[in-house]
PDB file of N, CA and C in Angstrom:
ATOM      1  N   MET A   1     119.815  64.710 136.533  1.00  0.00           N
ATOM      2  CA  MET A   1     120.100  66.014 136.213  1.00  0.00           C
ATOM      3  C   MET A   1     121.779  65.775 135.767  1.00  0.00           C
ATOM      4  N   PRO A   2     121.894  66.289 134.403  1.00  0.00           N
ATOM      5  CA  PRO A   2     123.444  65.834 133.757  1.00  0.00           C
ATOM      6  C   PRO A   2     124.035  67.063 134.402  1.00  0.00           C
ATOM      7  N   ASP A   3     123.748  68.414 134.450  1.00  0.00           N
ATOM      8  CA  ASP A   3     124.480  69.540 134.518  1.00  0.00           C
ATOM      9  C   ASP A   3     124.456  69.993 136.389  1.00  0.00           C
ATOM     10  N   ALA A   4     124.804  68.928 137.023  1.00  0.00           N
ATOM     11  CA  ALA A   4     124.469  69.154 138.443  1.00  0.00           C
ATOM     12  C   ALA A   4     125.712  67.929 139.040  1.00  0.00           C
ATOM     13  N   LEU A   5     125.956  68.539 140.285  1.00  0.00           N
ATOM     14  CA  LEU A   5     126.997  67.707 141.285  1.00  0.00           C
ATOM     15  C   LEU A   5     126.397  67.599 142.622  1.00  0.00           C
ATOM     16  N   GLU A   6     126.350  66.515 142.798  1.00  0.00           N
ATOM     17  CA  GLU A   6     125.733  66.093 144.103  1.00  0.00           C
ATOM     18  C   GLU A   6     127.015  66.288 145.187  1.00  0.00           C
ATOM     19  N   LEU A   7     126.783  66.988 146.396  1.00  0.00           N
ATOM     20  CA  LEU A   7     127.807  67.050 147.212  1.00  0.00           C
ATOM     21  C   LEU A   7     126.997  67.081 148.574  1.00  0.00           C
ATOM     22  N   GLN A   8     127.267  66.392 149.056  1.00  0.00           N
ATOM     23  CA  GLN A   8     126.655  66.017 150.771  1.00  0.00           C
ATOM     24  C   GLN A   8     125.183  66.562 150.898  1.00  0.00           C
ATOM     25  N   GLY A   9     124.225  65.789 149.631  1.00  0.00           N
ATOM     26  CA  GLY A   9     122.859  65.867 149.722  1.00  0.00           C
ATOM     27  C   GLY A   9     122.473  67.277 149.209  1.00  0.00           C
ATOM     28  N   ASN A  10     123.602  67.842 149.017  1.00  0.00           N
ATOM     29  CA  ASN A  10     122.884  69.069 148.325  1.00  0.00           C
ATOM     30  C   ASN A  10     123.501  69.061 146.588  1.00  0.00           C
ATOM     31  N   ILE A  11     122.391  69.679 146.045  1.00  0.00           N
ATOM     32  CA  ILE A  11     122.859  69.823 144.664  1.00  0.00           C
ATOM     33  C   ILE A  11     123.165  71.218 144.379  1.00  0.00           C
ATOM     34  N   ILE A  12     124.529  71.375 143.492  1.00  0.00           N
ATOM     35  CA  ILE A  12     124.722  72.839 142.751  1.00  0.00           C
ATOM     36  C   ILE A  12     125.092  72.615 141.729  1.00  0.00           C
ATOM     37  N   ASP A  13     123.818  73.406 141.316  1.00  0.00           N
ATOM     38  CA  ASP A  13     123.550  73.084 139.595  1.00  0.00           C
ATOM     39  C   ASP A  13     124.297  74.579 139.162  1.00  0.00           C
ATOM     40  N   PHE A  14     125.041  73.896 137.827  1.00  0.00           N
ATOM     41  CA  PHE A  14     126.169  74.218 136.939  1.00  0.00           C
ATOM     42  C   PHE A  14     125.132  75.381 135.697  1.00  0.00           C
ATOM     43  N   THR A  15     124.203  75.164 136.035  1.00  0.00           N
ATOM     44  CA  THR A  15     123.323  75.817 134.758  1.00  0.00           C
ATOM     45  C   THR A  15     123.823  77.504 134.709  1.00  0.00           C
ATOM     46  N   GLU A  16     122.832  78.330 133.865  1.00  0.00           N
ATOM     47  CA  GLU A  16     123.084  79.524 133.769  1.00  0.00           C
ATOM     48  C   GLU A  16     122.722  80.350 135.518  1.00  0.00           C
ATOM     49  N   ARG A  17     121.924  79.324 136.296  1.00  0.00           N
ATOM     50  CA  ARG A  17     121.424  80.331 137.502  1.00  0.00           C
ATOM     51  C   ARG A  17     122.612  80.048 138.642  1.00  0.00           C
ATOM     52  N   GLY A  18     123.388  79.011 138.374  1.00  0.00           N
ATOM     53  CA  GLY A  18     124.159  78.464 139.105  1.00  0.00           C
ATOM     54  C   GLY A  18     126.036  79.038 139.065  1.00  0.00           C
ATOM     55  N   LYS A  19     126.377  79.306 138.085  1.00  0.00           N
ATOM     56  CA  LYS A  19     127.104  80.190 137.516  1.00  0.00           C
ATOM     57  C   LYS A  19     127.647  81.254 138.715  1.00  0.00           C
ATOM     58  N   PRO A  20     126.622  82.198 139.181  1.00  0.00           N
ATOM     59  CA  PRO A  20     126.583  83.328 140.019  1.00  0.00           C
ATOM     60  C   PRO A  20     126.897  82.821 140.941  1.00  0.00           C
ATOM     61  N   MET A  21     126.137  81.848 141.855  1.00  0.00           N
ATOM     62  CA  MET A  21     126.744  81.513 143.002  1.00  0.00           C
ATOM     63  C   MET A  21     127.809  80.313 143.134  1.00  0.00           C
ATOM     64  N   ILE A  22     128.632  79.879 142.145  1.00  0.00           N
ATOM     65  CA  ILE A  22     130.097  79.614 142.170  1.00  0.00           C
ATOM     66  C   ILE A  22     131.046  80.918 142.657  1.00  0.00           C
ATOM     67  N   LEU A  23     130.507  81.859 141.921  1.00  0.00           N
ATOM     68  CA  LEU A  23     131.151  82.977 142.113  1.00  0.00           C
ATOM     69  C   LEU A  23     131.320  83.596 143.579  1.00  0.00           C
ATOM     70  N   LEU A  24     129.950  83.467 143.963  1.00  0.00           N
ATOM     71  CA  LEU A  24     129.759  84.373 145.085  1.00  0.00           C
ATOM     72  C   LEU A  24     130.414  83.109 146.643  1.00  0.00           C
ATOM     73  N   TYR A  25     129.968  81.872 146.006  1.00  0.00           N
ATOM     74  CA  TYR A  25     130.937  80.956 146.752  1.00  0.00           C
ATOM     75  C   TYR A  25     132.389  81.132 146.905  1.00  0.00           C
ATOM     76  N   GLY A  26     132.872  81.407 146.002  1.00  0.00           N
ATOM     77  CA  GLY A  26     134.459  81.623 145.977  1.00  0.00           C
ATOM     78  C   GLY A  26     134.476  82.949 146.612  1.00  0.00           C
ATOM     79  N   LEU A  27     133.915  84.104 146.640  1.00  0.00           N
ATOM     80  CA  LEU A  27     134.107  85.243 147.299  1.00  0.00           C
ATOM     81  C   LEU A  27     133.710  85.406 148.815  1.00  0.00           C
ATOM     82  N   ALA A  28     132.979  84.264 149.076  1.00  0.00           N
ATOM     83  CA  ALA A  28     132.902  84.065 150.691  1.00  0.00           C
ATOM     84  C   ALA A  28     134.129  83.477 151.371  1.00  0.00           C
ATOM     85  N   LEU A  29     134.553  82.192 150.502  1.00  0.00           N
ATOM     86  CA  LEU A  29     135.658  81.853 151.030  1.00  0.00           C
ATOM     87  C   LEU A  29     136.765  82.602 150.832  1.00  0.00           C
ATOM     88  N   TYR A  30     137.141  83.750 149.821  1.00  0.00           N
ATOM     89  CA  TYR A  30     138.190  84.598 150.034  1.00  0.00           C
ATOM     90  C   TYR A  30     137.983  85.372 151.305  1.00  0.00           C
ATOM     91  N   ILE A  31     137.024  85.968 151.733  1.00  0.00           N
ATOM     92  CA  ILE A  31     136.804  86.894 152.593  1.00  0.00           C
ATOM     93  C   ILE A  31     137.279  86.226 154.103  1.00  0.00           C
ATOM     94  N   LEU A  32     136.495  84.775 153.800  1.00  0.00           N
ATOM     95  CA  LEU A  32     136.532  83.737 155.192  1.00  0.00           C
ATOM     96  C   LEU A  32     138.120  83.928 155.656  1.00  0.00           C
ATOM     97  N   CYS A  33     139.022  83.322 154.593  1.00  0.00           N
ATOM     98  CA  CYS A  33     140.271  82.959 154.524  1.00  0.00           C
ATOM     99  C   CYS A  33     140.949  84.678 155.172  1.00  0.00           C
ATOM    100  N   GLY A  34     140.416  85.446 154.311  1.00  0.00           N
ATOM    101  CA  GLY A  34     140.979  86.652 154.363  1.00  0.00           C
ATOM    102  C   GLY A  34     141.121  87.052 156.138  1.00  0.00           C
ATOM    103  N   LEU A  35     139.791  86.545 156.695  1.00  0.00           N
ATOM    104  CA  LEU A  35     139.361  87.558 158.201  1.00  0.00           C
ATOM    105  C   LEU A  35     139.876  86.853 159.209  1.00  0.00           C
ATOM    106  N   VAL A  36     139.876  85.599 158.922  1.00  0.00           N
ATOM    107  CA  VAL A  36     140.769  84.775 160.034  1.00  0.00           C
ATOM    108  C   VAL A  36     142.663  84.395 159.756  1.00  0.00           C
ATOM    109  N   LEU A  37     142.889  84.627 158.351  1.00  0.00           N
ATOM    110  CA  LEU A  37     144.549  85.225 158.305  1.00  0.00           C
ATOM    111  C   LEU A  37     144.919  86.517 158.824  1.00  0.00           C
ATOM    112  N   ALA A  38     143.722  87.662 158.673  1.00  0.00           N
ATOM    113  CA  ALA A  38     144.248  88.959 159.286  1.00  0.00           C
ATOM    114  C   ALA A  38     144.405  88.892 160.733  1.00  0.00           C
ATOM    115  N   ALA A  39     143.391  88.096 161.490  1.00  0.00           N
ATOM    116  CA  ALA A  39     143.245  88.156 162.810  1.00  0.00           C
ATOM    117  C   ALA A  39     144.435  87.547 163.365  1.00  0.00           C
ATOM    118  N   GLY A  40     145.026  86.579 162.770  1.00  0.00           N
ATOM    119  CA  GLY A  40     146.415  85.849 163.330  1.00  0.00           C
ATOM    120  C   GLY A  40     147.659  86.913 163.062  1.00  0.00           C
ATOM    121  N   PHE A  41     147.516  87.409 161.867  1.00  0.00           N
ATOM    122  CA  PHE A  41     148.561  88.385 161.644  1.00  0.00           C
ATOM    123  C   PHE A  41     148.598  89.635 162.379  1.00  0.00           C
ATOM    124  N   VAL A  42     147.672  90.084 162.534  1.00  0.00           N
ATOM    125  CA  VAL A  42     147.664  91.173 163.830  1.00  0.00           C
ATOM    126  C   VAL A  42     147.953  91.035 165.003  1.00  0.00           C
ATOM    127  N   ILE A  43     147.736  90.002 165.257  1.00  0.00           N
ATOM    128  CA  ILE A  43     147.921  89.401 166.807  1.00  0.00           C
ATOM    129  C   ILE A  43     149.063  89.173 166.914  1.00  0.00           C
ATOM    130  N   PHE A  44     149.711  88.244 165.525  1.00  0.00           N
ATOM    131  CA  PHE A  44     150.972  87.411 165.839  1.00  0.00           C
ATOM    132  C   PHE A  44     151.894  87.650 164.842  1.00  0.00           C
ATOM    133  N   GLY A  45     151.799  88.403 163.906  1.00  0.00           N
ATOM    134  CA  GLY A  45     152.611  88.350 162.774  1.00  0.00           C
ATOM    135  C   GLY A  45     153.292  89.590 162.597  1.00  0.00           C
ATOM    136  N   LEU A  46     152.842  90.846 163.296  1.00  0.00           N
ATOM    137  CA  LEU A  46     153.233  91.946 163.123  1.00  0.00           C
ATOM    138  C   LEU A  46     154.336  92.057 163.430  1.00  0.00           C
ATOM    139  N   ALA A  47     154.812  91.486 164.700  1.00  0.00           N
ATOM    140  CA  ALA A  47     156.305  91.552 165.216  1.00  0.00           C
ATOM    141  C   ALA A  47     157.266  91.219 163.916  1.00  0.00           C
ATOM    142  N   ARG A  48     156.815  89.908 163.479  1.00  0.00           N
ATOM    143  CA  ARG A  48     157.830  89.244 162.413  1.00  0.00           C
ATOM    144  C   ARG A  48     158.234  90.024 161.317  1.00  0.00           C
ATOM    145  N   VAL A  49     156.788  90.899 160.561  1.00  0.00           N
ATOM    146  CA  VAL A  49     157.121  91.692 159.335  1.00  0.00           C
ATOM    147  C   VAL A  49     158.054  93.076 159.852  1.00  0.00           C
ATOM    148  N   LEU A  50     157.661  93.638 160.958  1.00  0.00           N
ATOM    149  CA  LEU A  50     158.387  95.040 161.217  1.00  0.00           C
ATOM    150  C   LEU A  50     159.558  94.775 161.874  1.00  0.00           C
ATOM    151  N   PRO A  51     160.195  96.019 161.583  1.00  0.00           N
ATOM    152  CA  PRO A  51     161.495  96.317 162.300  1.00  0.00           C
ATOM    153  C   PRO A  51     161.569  95.773 163.974  1.00  0.00           C
ATOM    154  N   ALA A  52     162.377  95.295 164.411  1.00  0.00           N
ATOM    155  CA  ALA A  52     162.511  95.229 165.567  1.00  0.00           C
ATOM    156  C   ALA A  52     162.490  96.390 166.851  1.00  0.00           C
ATOM    157  N   SER A  53     162.531  97.654 166.524  1.00  0.00           N
ATOM    158  CA  SER A  53     162.511  98.655 166.959  1.00  0.00           C
ATOM    159  C   SER A  53     161.102  99.333 166.875  1.00  0.00           C
ATOM    160  N   ALA A  54     160.170  98.866 166.150  1.00  0.00           N
ATOM    161  CA  ALA A  54     158.931  99.450 165.643  1.00  0.00           C
ATOM    162  C   ALA A  54     157.701  98.553 166.419  1.00  0.00           C
ATOM    163  N   THR A  55     156.769  99.787 167.281  1.00  0.00           N
ATOM    164  CA  THR A  55     156.050  99.221 168.623  1.00  0.00           C
ATOM    165  C   THR A  55     154.792  99.595 167.097  1.00  0.00           C
ATOM    166  N   VAL A  56     153.402  98.666 167.446  1.00  0.00           N
ATOM    167  CA  VAL A  56     152.247  98.725 167.013  1.00  0.00           C
ATOM    168  C   VAL A  56     151.266  98.608 168.249  1.00  0.00           C
ATOM    169  N   THR A  57     150.583  99.912 168.147  1.00  0.00           N
ATOM    170  CA  THR A  57     149.523 100.321 169.081  1.00  0.00           C
ATOM    171  C   THR A  57     148.297  99.481 168.921  1.00  0.00           C
ATOM    172  N   PRO A  58     147.457  99.209 169.933  1.00  0.00           N
ATOM    173  CA  PRO A  58     146.025  98.520 169.546  1.00  0.00           C
ATOM    174  C   PRO A  58     145.431  99.181 168.645  1.00  0.00           C
ATOM    175  N   GLY A  59     145.539 100.720 168.543  1.00  0.00           N
ATOM    176  CA  GLY A  59     144.470 101.362 167.454  1.00  0.00           C
ATOM    177  C   GLY A  59     145.292 100.994 166.153  1.00  0.00           C
ATOM    178  N   ALA A  60     146.320 100.982 165.820  1.00  0.00           N
ATOM    179  CA  ALA A  60     146.877 100.831 164.714  1.00  0.00           C
ATOM    180  C   ALA A  60     146.902  99.584 164.144  1.00  0.00           C
ATOM    181  N   ARG A  61     146.922  98.559 165.154  1.00  0.00           N
ATOM    182  CA  ARG A  61     146.187  97.109 164.621  1.00  0.00           C
ATOM    183  C   ARG A  61     144.860  97.135 164.139  1.00  0.00           C
ATOM    184  N   ILE A  62     144.092  97.772 164.611  1.00  0.00           N
ATOM    185  CA  ILE A  62     142.438  98.012 164.238  1.00  0.00           C
ATOM    186  C   ILE A  62     142.399  98.694 162.662  1.00  0.00           C
ATOM    187  N   LEU A  63     143.423  99.325 162.567  1.00  0.00           N
ATOM    188  CA  LEU A  63     143.299  99.958 161.048  1.00  0.00           C
ATOM    189  C   LEU A  63     143.979  99.281 159.908  1.00  0.00           C
ATOM    190  N   ILE A  64     145.020  98.256 160.290  1.00  0.00           N
ATOM    191  CA  ILE A  64     145.464  97.165 159.368  1.00  0.00           C
ATOM    192  C   ILE A  64     144.897  96.193 159.344  1.00  0.00           C
ATOM    193  N   LEU A  65     143.950  95.534 160.111  1.00  0.00           N
ATOM    194  CA  LEU A  65     142.975  94.555 160.106  1.00  0.00           C
ATOM    195  C   LEU A  65     142.556  94.738 158.776  1.00  0.00           C
ATOM    196  N   PRO A  66     141.339  95.906 158.327  1.00  0.00           N
ATOM    197  CA  PRO A  66     140.751  95.441 156.771  1.00  0.00           C
ATOM    198  C   PRO A  66     141.606  95.329 156.053  1.00  0.00           C
ATOM    199  N   GLY A  67     142.666  95.877 155.778  1.00  0.00           N
ATOM    200  CA  GLY A  67     143.693  95.516 154.588  1.00  0.00           C
ATOM    201  C   GLY A  67     144.289  94.804 154.500  1.00  0.00           C
ATOM    202  N   ALA A  68     144.764  93.738 155.887  1.00  0.00           N
ATOM    203  CA  ALA A  68     145.615  92.526 155.596  1.00  0.00           C
ATOM    204  C   ALA A  68     144.044  91.577 155.512  1.00  0.00           C
ATOM    205  N   ALA A  69     143.360  91.875 155.868  1.00  0.00           N
ATOM    206  CA  ALA A  69     141.823  90.574 155.096  1.00  0.00           C
ATOM    207  C   ALA A  69     141.588  91.054 153.650  1.00  0.00           C
ATOM    208  N   THR A  70     141.812  92.059 153.064  1.00  0.00           N
ATOM    209  CA  THR A  70     141.447  92.223 151.554  1.00  0.00           C
ATOM    210  C   THR A  70     142.872  91.831 150.893  1.00  0.00           C
ATOM    211  N   LEU A  71     144.124  92.145 151.715  1.00  0.00           N
ATOM    212  CA  LEU A  71     145.076  91.801 150.855  1.00  0.00           C
ATOM    213  C   LEU A  71     145.932  90.310 151.121  1.00  0.00           C
ATOM    214  N   TRP A  72     144.996  89.489 151.700  1.00  0.00           N
ATOM    215  CA  TRP A  72     145.636  87.905 152.656  1.00  0.00           C
ATOM    216  C   TRP A  72     146.476  87.083 151.897  1.00  0.00           C
ATOM    217  N   PRO A  73     146.354  87.556 150.316  1.00  0.00           N
ATOM    218  CA  PRO A  73     147.918  86.530 149.779  1.00  0.00           C
ATOM    219  C   PRO A  73     149.116  87.143 150.087  1.00  0.00           C
ATOM    220  N   TYR A  74     148.993  88.102 149.787  1.00  0.00           N
ATOM    221  CA  TYR A  74     150.252  89.333 149.973  1.00  0.00           C
ATOM    222  C   TYR A  74     150.821  88.974 151.333  1.00  0.00           C
ATOM    223  N   VAL A  75     149.719  89.254 152.165  1.00  0.00           N
ATOM    224  CA  VAL A  75     150.436  89.300 153.790  1.00  0.00           C
ATOM    225  C   VAL A  75     150.862  88.058 154.143  1.00  0.00           C
ATOM    226  N   LEU A  76     150.277  86.948 153.345  1.00  0.00           N
ATOM    227  CA  LEU A  76     150.584  85.481 153.618  1.00  0.00           C
ATOM    228  C   LEU A  76     152.109  85.384 153.669  1.00  0.00           C
ATOM    229  N   VAL A  77     152.325  85.970 152.474  1.00  0.00           N
ATOM    230  CA  VAL A  77     153.923  85.772 151.560  1.00  0.00           C
ATOM    231  C   VAL A  77     154.748  86.564 152.495  1.00  0.00           C
ATOM    232  N   ARG A  78     154.472  87.775 152.894  1.00  0.00           N
ATOM    233  CA  ARG A  78     155.244  88.680 153.713  1.00  0.00           C
ATOM    234  C   ARG A  78     155.223  87.883 155.162  1.00  0.00           C
ATOM    235  N   TRP A  79     154.275  87.360 155.614  1.00  0.00           N
ATOM    236  CA  TRP A  79     154.459  86.957 157.280  1.00  0.00           C
ATOM    237  C   TRP A  79     155.621  85.643 157.062  1.00  0.00           C
ATOM    238  N   LEU A  80     155.072  84.898 155.887  1.00  0.00           N
ATOM    239  CA  LEU A  80     156.134  83.352 155.808  1.00  0.00           C
ATOM    240  C   LEU A  80     157.713  83.761 155.355  1.00  0.00           C
ATOM    241  N   LEU A  81     157.889  85.133 154.581  1.00  0.00           N
ATOM    242  CA  LEU A  81     159.245  85.298 154.084  1.00  0.00           C
ATOM    243  C   LEU A  81     159.947  86.328 154.995  1.00  0.00           C
ATOM    244  N   GLY A  82     159.139  86.617 156.001  1.00  0.00           N
ATOM    245  CA  GLY A  82     159.576  88.085 157.247  1.00  0.00           C
ATOM    246  C   GLY A  82     160.701  87.492 158.026  1.00  0.00           C
ATOM    247  N   ARG A  83     161.298  88.487 158.309  1.00  0.00           N
ATOM    248  CA  ARG A  83     162.703  88.200 159.430  1.00  0.00           C
ATOM    249  C   ARG A  83     162.205  87.083 160.536  1.00  0.00           C
ATOM    250  N   GLU A  84     163.195  86.460 160.815  1.00  0.00           N
ATOM    251  CA  GLU A  84     163.017  85.575 161.688  1.00  0.00           C
ATOM    252  C   GLU A  84     163.666  86.179 163.181  1.00  0.00           C
ATOM    253  N   THR A  85     162.518  85.629 164.164  1.00  0.00           N
ATOM    254  CA  THR A  85     162.731  86.355 165.550  1.00  0.00           C
ATOM    255  C   THR A  85     163.680  85.613 166.397  1.00  0.00           C
TER     256      THR A  85
END
């Protein structure tokens, strides 16, 4: 198969049928990265991004989680550039 790439015993087909799968794998990777980063951000990062006097209740953390997972590149930048504690 000249249009295929062998990767750890599996063959990824880059023909017309394989192109949507590449997009789905990319979307799955984006979602996985978002969930991992959002969980860490909600547990550890909110205190670094918010002002010192702000407190976040567990209910608010649950509400922030889906948005942080969806917008994880922006959240990561804010987390890294957040104020030093």
